[in-house]
Protein backbone atom coordinates (compact mmCIF):
# COMPACT_ATOMS: atom_id res chain seq x y z
CA MET A 1 131.39 80.06 91.75
CA THR A 2 129.29 79.32 88.69
CA GLN A 3 128.83 81.79 85.88
CA PRO A 4 125.79 82.22 83.65
CA THR A 5 125.95 80.03 80.58
CA THR A 6 124.10 80.29 77.30
CA ILE A 7 121.35 77.70 77.36
CA THR A 8 118.71 76.62 74.93
CA ARG A 9 116.06 79.21 74.22
CA PRO A 10 112.94 78.15 76.12
CA THR A 11 109.93 76.72 74.39
CA THR A 12 106.62 77.95 75.74
CA GLN A 13 103.61 75.71 76.23
CA THR A 14 100.11 76.17 77.59
CA LEU A 15 98.02 73.72 79.56
CA ASP A 16 94.31 73.87 80.34
CA VAL A 17 93.46 72.98 83.93
CA PRO A 18 90.33 73.84 85.93
CA GLY A 19 89.95 77.60 86.19
CA VAL A 20 93.05 78.67 84.25
CA LYS A 21 95.22 78.15 81.18
CA LEU A 22 98.71 77.69 82.60
CA THR A 23 101.77 78.90 80.71
CA TYR A 24 105.11 77.18 81.24
CA ASP A 25 108.57 77.25 79.68
CA VAL A 26 110.99 74.40 79.04
CA ARG A 27 114.73 74.93 78.54
CA GLN A 28 116.42 71.79 77.26
CA GLY A 29 119.61 70.95 79.14
CA ALA A 30 122.83 69.41 77.93
CA ASP A 31 122.44 66.20 79.94
CA PRO A 32 119.34 64.28 78.81
CA ASP A 33 119.74 61.77 81.64
CA ALA A 34 119.74 64.31 84.48
CA PRO A 35 116.46 64.83 86.35
CA VAL A 36 114.40 67.76 85.17
CA LEU A 37 114.78 70.79 87.44
CA MET A 38 111.59 72.73 88.00
CA ILE A 39 111.99 76.22 89.47
CA ILE A 40 108.91 77.91 90.90
CA GLY A 41 107.73 80.79 93.01
CA SER A 42 104.32 82.15 93.85
CA PRO A 43 103.10 84.58 92.88
CA MET A 44 106.45 85.18 91.15
CA ALA A 45 106.23 83.97 87.59
CA ALA A 46 108.75 82.37 85.22
CA ALA A 47 110.23 85.76 84.31
CA GLY A 48 111.76 85.95 87.79
CA PHE A 49 113.95 82.89 87.26
CA VAL A 50 115.74 83.62 83.99
CA THR A 51 119.06 84.30 85.72
CA LEU A 52 118.86 81.28 88.00
CA ALA A 53 117.95 78.97 85.10
CA SER A 54 120.97 80.21 83.16
CA HIS A 55 123.25 78.77 85.85
CA VAL A 56 122.00 75.22 85.36
CA PRO A 57 122.72 74.51 81.68
CA ASP A 58 123.17 70.76 82.21
CA ARG A 59 119.59 70.33 83.42
CA THR A 60 116.35 70.67 81.51
CA VAL A 61 114.73 73.52 83.44
CA VAL A 62 110.97 74.05 83.67
CA THR A 63 109.49 77.33 84.91
CA TYR A 64 105.88 78.43 84.92
CA ASP A 65 103.49 81.26 85.72
CA PRO A 66 101.30 80.27 88.68
CA ARG A 67 97.56 80.69 88.26
CA GLY A 68 96.67 84.38 88.39
CA SER A 69 100.23 85.55 87.65
CA GLU A 70 101.32 87.18 84.40
CA ARG A 71 100.53 84.84 81.48
CA SER A 72 98.39 82.37 83.47
CA VAL A 73 95.17 84.38 83.65
CA LYS A 74 92.38 82.80 85.68
CA ALA A 75 88.80 82.50 84.53
CA GLU A 76 87.88 84.37 87.72
CA PRO A 77 90.77 86.82 88.18
CA THR A 78 89.67 88.12 91.58
CA SER A 79 89.22 84.70 93.19
CA GLN A 80 91.50 83.28 95.86
CA SER A 81 94.10 80.68 94.84
CA THR A 82 94.92 77.95 97.34
CA PRO A 83 98.11 75.92 97.82
CA GLU A 84 96.12 72.82 96.94
CA GLN A 85 95.09 74.35 93.60
CA HIS A 86 98.67 75.42 92.91
CA ALA A 87 99.89 71.94 93.84
CA ASP A 88 97.55 70.33 91.35
CA ASP A 89 98.67 72.84 88.70
CA ILE A 90 102.33 71.96 89.30
CA HIS A 91 101.44 68.28 89.11
CA ALA A 92 99.74 68.90 85.76
CA VAL A 93 102.83 70.64 84.39
CA ILE A 94 105.15 67.86 85.60
CA SER A 95 102.87 65.30 83.97
CA ALA A 96 102.75 67.27 80.71
CA VAL A 97 106.54 67.53 80.57
CA GLY A 98 106.59 63.75 80.84
CA ARG A 99 110.08 63.19 82.20
CA GLY A 100 109.14 61.49 85.46
CA ARG A 101 110.10 62.69 88.94
CA VAL A 102 111.65 66.13 89.04
CA ASP A 103 113.98 68.04 91.30
CA LEU A 104 112.12 71.12 92.48
CA PHE A 105 113.49 74.42 93.72
CA ALA A 106 110.58 76.36 95.19
CA THR A 107 110.75 79.76 96.84
CA SER A 108 108.38 81.85 98.96
CA GLY A 109 104.75 80.99 98.24
CA GLY A 110 106.06 78.48 95.73
CA ALA A 111 107.70 76.62 98.61
CA VAL A 112 104.34 76.45 100.40
CA ASN A 113 102.71 75.13 97.23
CA ALA A 114 105.53 72.61 96.81
CA LEU A 115 104.94 71.22 100.29
CA ALA A 116 101.29 70.79 99.33
CA LEU A 117 102.42 69.09 96.11
CA VAL A 118 104.56 66.53 97.93
CA THR A 119 101.58 65.74 100.17
CA ARG A 120 99.07 65.42 97.33
CA HIS A 121 101.32 63.91 94.66
CA PRO A 122 104.23 62.29 96.52
CA ASP A 123 105.66 60.54 93.47
CA ASP A 124 106.21 63.76 91.51
CA VAL A 125 109.33 65.06 93.25
CA ARG A 126 112.69 63.40 93.89
CA LEU A 127 114.30 66.36 95.70
CA LEU A 128 112.51 69.44 97.02
CA ILE A 129 114.44 72.53 98.02
CA ALA A 130 111.86 74.63 99.90
CA HIS A 131 113.27 78.16 100.17
CA GLU A 132 111.73 80.49 102.76
CA PRO A 133 108.08 79.39 102.91
CA PRO A 134 106.11 82.17 104.67
CA LEU A 135 104.07 79.80 106.80
CA ALA A 136 102.58 81.94 109.54
CA ALA A 137 100.39 79.01 110.60
CA ILE A 138 103.27 77.20 112.31
CA LEU A 139 104.83 80.20 114.06
CA PRO A 140 104.31 81.07 117.74
CA ASP A 141 102.90 84.47 116.73
CA ARG A 142 100.46 82.91 114.26
CA GLU A 143 97.40 84.80 115.50
CA ALA A 144 99.09 88.19 115.13
CA ALA A 145 100.48 87.17 111.74
CA PHE A 146 97.07 85.97 110.60
CA ALA A 147 95.54 89.27 111.68
CA ALA A 148 98.22 91.17 109.78
CA THR A 149 97.69 89.27 106.54
CA GLU A 150 93.92 89.52 106.85
CA ASP A 151 94.27 93.28 107.37
CA ILE A 152 96.42 93.54 104.21
CA ALA A 153 93.81 91.66 102.19
CA ALA A 154 91.04 93.85 103.62
CA SER A 155 93.05 97.00 102.88
CA TYR A 156 93.38 95.91 99.27
CA GLN A 157 89.66 95.35 98.87
CA ARG A 158 88.86 98.63 100.63
CA ASP A 159 91.62 101.01 99.49
CA GLY A 160 93.42 99.39 96.56
CA MET A 161 96.98 98.49 95.72
CA GLY A 162 99.07 101.26 97.31
CA PRO A 163 98.04 100.96 100.97
CA ALA A 164 97.84 97.17 100.84
CA MET A 165 101.22 96.69 99.22
CA ALA A 166 102.84 99.17 101.61
CA LYS A 167 101.55 97.10 104.54
CA PHE A 168 102.75 93.94 102.79
CA ILE A 169 106.27 95.36 102.44
CA MET A 170 106.23 96.34 106.11
CA LEU A 171 105.16 92.82 107.10
CA VAL A 172 107.68 90.88 105.02
CA SER A 173 110.55 93.15 106.09
CA LEU A 174 109.67 92.98 109.77
CA GLN A 175 112.34 91.45 112.00
CA GLY A 176 110.93 89.26 114.73
CA GLU A 177 107.42 88.42 115.80
CA VAL A 178 104.46 90.30 114.35
CA PRO A 179 103.06 92.84 116.81
CA ALA A 180 99.43 92.51 117.79
CA ASP A 181 98.79 96.13 116.74
CA PHE A 182 100.22 95.72 113.22
CA ALA A 183 96.92 96.68 111.59
CA SER A 184 96.89 100.05 113.35
CA MET A 185 100.44 101.02 112.37
CA PRO A 186 100.57 104.11 110.13
CA VAL A 187 101.48 103.46 106.53
CA ASP A 188 102.30 105.84 103.67
CA PRO A 189 102.34 104.18 100.24
CA ALA A 190 104.37 107.07 98.82
CA MET A 191 107.29 106.09 101.08
CA PHE A 192 107.61 102.92 99.00
CA GLY A 193 107.02 104.60 95.66
CA LEU A 194 103.52 103.15 95.52
CA PRO A 195 100.37 104.83 94.22
CA THR A 196 98.20 106.63 96.71
CA GLU A 197 95.10 106.58 94.49
CA ASP A 198 92.90 103.53 94.05
CA ASP A 199 92.82 102.36 90.42
CA GLY A 200 89.89 100.04 91.09
CA ASN A 201 91.80 96.87 90.15
CA ARG A 202 91.39 93.88 92.49
CA THR A 203 93.29 91.16 90.59
CA ASP A 204 96.74 91.47 92.18
CA PRO A 205 98.10 87.96 92.85
CA VAL A 206 100.04 88.98 95.96
CA VAL A 207 97.58 90.89 98.12
CA GLY A 208 94.42 89.86 96.29
CA GLN A 209 94.71 86.15 95.60
CA ASN A 210 97.37 84.43 97.71
CA ILE A 211 98.34 86.25 100.89
CA ILE A 212 95.79 84.62 103.18
CA THR A 213 95.71 81.15 101.64
CA VAL A 214 99.53 80.85 101.62
CA THR A 215 100.29 82.19 105.09
CA HIS A 216 97.39 80.30 106.69
CA PHE A 217 98.32 76.95 105.14
CA GLU A 218 99.49 74.26 107.56
CA PRO A 219 101.42 71.39 105.94
CA ASP A 220 100.72 67.76 106.73
CA PHE A 221 104.08 66.94 108.26
CA ASP A 222 103.28 63.25 108.73
CA ALA A 223 102.59 62.95 105.01
CA LEU A 224 105.73 64.91 104.15
CA GLN A 225 107.88 62.62 106.25
CA ALA A 226 106.25 59.54 104.72
CA ALA A 227 106.78 60.74 101.14
CA PRO A 228 109.69 59.39 99.06
CA THR A 229 110.86 62.95 98.45
CA ARG A 230 114.06 64.25 100.03
CA ILE A 231 113.19 67.66 101.46
CA VAL A 232 115.82 70.34 101.99
CA VAL A 233 114.62 73.49 103.75
CA ALA A 234 116.51 76.63 102.75
CA VAL A 235 116.69 80.05 104.41
CA GLY A 236 118.28 83.29 103.28
CA GLU A 237 121.53 84.37 104.86
CA GLU A 238 120.38 88.00 104.99
CA ALA A 239 116.74 87.38 105.88
CA GLY A 240 117.06 86.37 109.53
CA GLY A 241 114.05 87.20 111.67
CA THR A 242 111.64 87.79 108.80
CA LEU A 243 108.39 85.88 108.53
CA ALA A 244 109.56 83.77 105.57
CA HIS A 245 112.91 82.95 107.20
CA ARG A 246 111.17 82.00 110.44
CA GLY A 247 108.71 79.91 108.44
CA GLY A 248 111.59 78.00 106.90
CA GLU A 249 113.18 77.39 110.28
CA ALA A 250 109.85 76.17 111.66
CA VAL A 251 109.36 73.73 108.76
CA ALA A 252 112.89 72.38 109.24
CA GLN A 253 112.25 71.89 112.94
CA ARG A 254 108.99 70.04 112.32
CA LEU A 255 110.71 67.78 109.79
CA GLY A 256 113.67 67.17 112.11
CA VAL A 257 116.27 68.58 109.71
CA ALA A 258 118.68 71.50 109.84
CA PRO A 259 117.89 74.38 107.48
CA VAL A 260 120.45 75.08 104.75
CA THR A 261 121.55 78.69 104.39
CA PHE A 262 121.53 80.18 100.90
CA PRO A 263 123.33 83.44 100.00
CA GLY A 264 121.41 86.70 99.97
CA GLY A 265 117.97 87.39 101.29
CA HIS A 266 114.52 86.26 100.31
CA ASP A 267 115.24 87.26 96.70
CA GLY A 268 118.88 86.15 96.64
CA PHE A 269 118.46 84.39 93.26
CA LEU A 270 117.35 87.50 91.34
CA GLY A 271 119.75 88.91 88.77
CA GLY A 272 117.94 92.10 87.85
CA GLU A 273 114.52 90.64 87.17
CA TYR A 274 111.72 92.99 88.23
CA GLY A 275 114.38 95.61 88.97
CA HIS A 276 115.91 93.66 91.86
CA ALA A 277 119.23 91.88 92.24
CA GLY A 278 120.40 89.58 95.00
CA LYS A 279 123.52 87.43 94.85
CA PRO A 280 122.68 85.26 91.85
CA ASP A 281 126.14 83.77 91.25
CA GLU A 282 126.59 82.72 94.86
CA PHE A 283 122.98 81.59 95.13
CA ALA A 284 123.26 79.43 92.02
CA ALA A 285 126.49 77.87 93.27
CA LYS A 286 124.72 76.83 96.47
CA LEU A 287 121.79 75.46 94.48
CA ARG A 288 124.09 73.35 92.34
CA GLU A 289 125.83 72.07 95.46
CA VAL A 290 122.54 70.91 96.96
CA LEU A 291 121.38 69.40 93.67
CA ALA A 292 124.63 67.46 93.39
CA GLN A 293 123.91 65.83 96.75
CA GLY A 294 120.74 64.37 95.24
């Protein structure tokens, strides 16, 4: 089991791309010859990966805030962000870092964006570890899942953060296929410690900018298989039956590979960031094992 190690304090850079000024962080690793490791989520920003980055002191680690998240404020904050846009943003960061092909650990919506990246910029990534991509588009219950995500987005526009985020939590925690009547299920934001009053804000990156574009995205599997990138699909040990876990299994099946199980659930890498903790030591050990296989 690996233990956190003191690593170089990150340097923060910004990069202007269409529609947003991206912010990214670079932690210099001990081995200058090792491939750069980029760690991404979406909409989770760089702040969510501090613990995980600390377990890889030999690698130069790059993290970033996706467009619309935290420090990467969009010119149009209420607009939708697509996997294709995110893919081009990641490509721009990789190019700015200037160390050639990277190894990429991508989780949740970041895994969806990473699959788009490999399709659009196949020479950017040497190894992709796609962890729990919530791809409703390739699931047998896609129509019900689409309806659920569209209802969450509509709830946000109509009622604000509390009701929408409560429905989002219900959806991502759901075990098994999404019921056709998901939109009519009762929801109480207070049960999740969420506000019941609408604050008027409509810039949330989860339920306002990404939920439909991410879940509705369908990867180009022919292009993924033709790319020079080795793709490892990862699923959470404790997340079985959830939409993201099922999405990972479906991607693995379409690529003709077996999914690799990582410790913990969907957030197994967290070490207290955002008030949540998974199994960061065990998760990092598994990540290093997969990275070592190249």
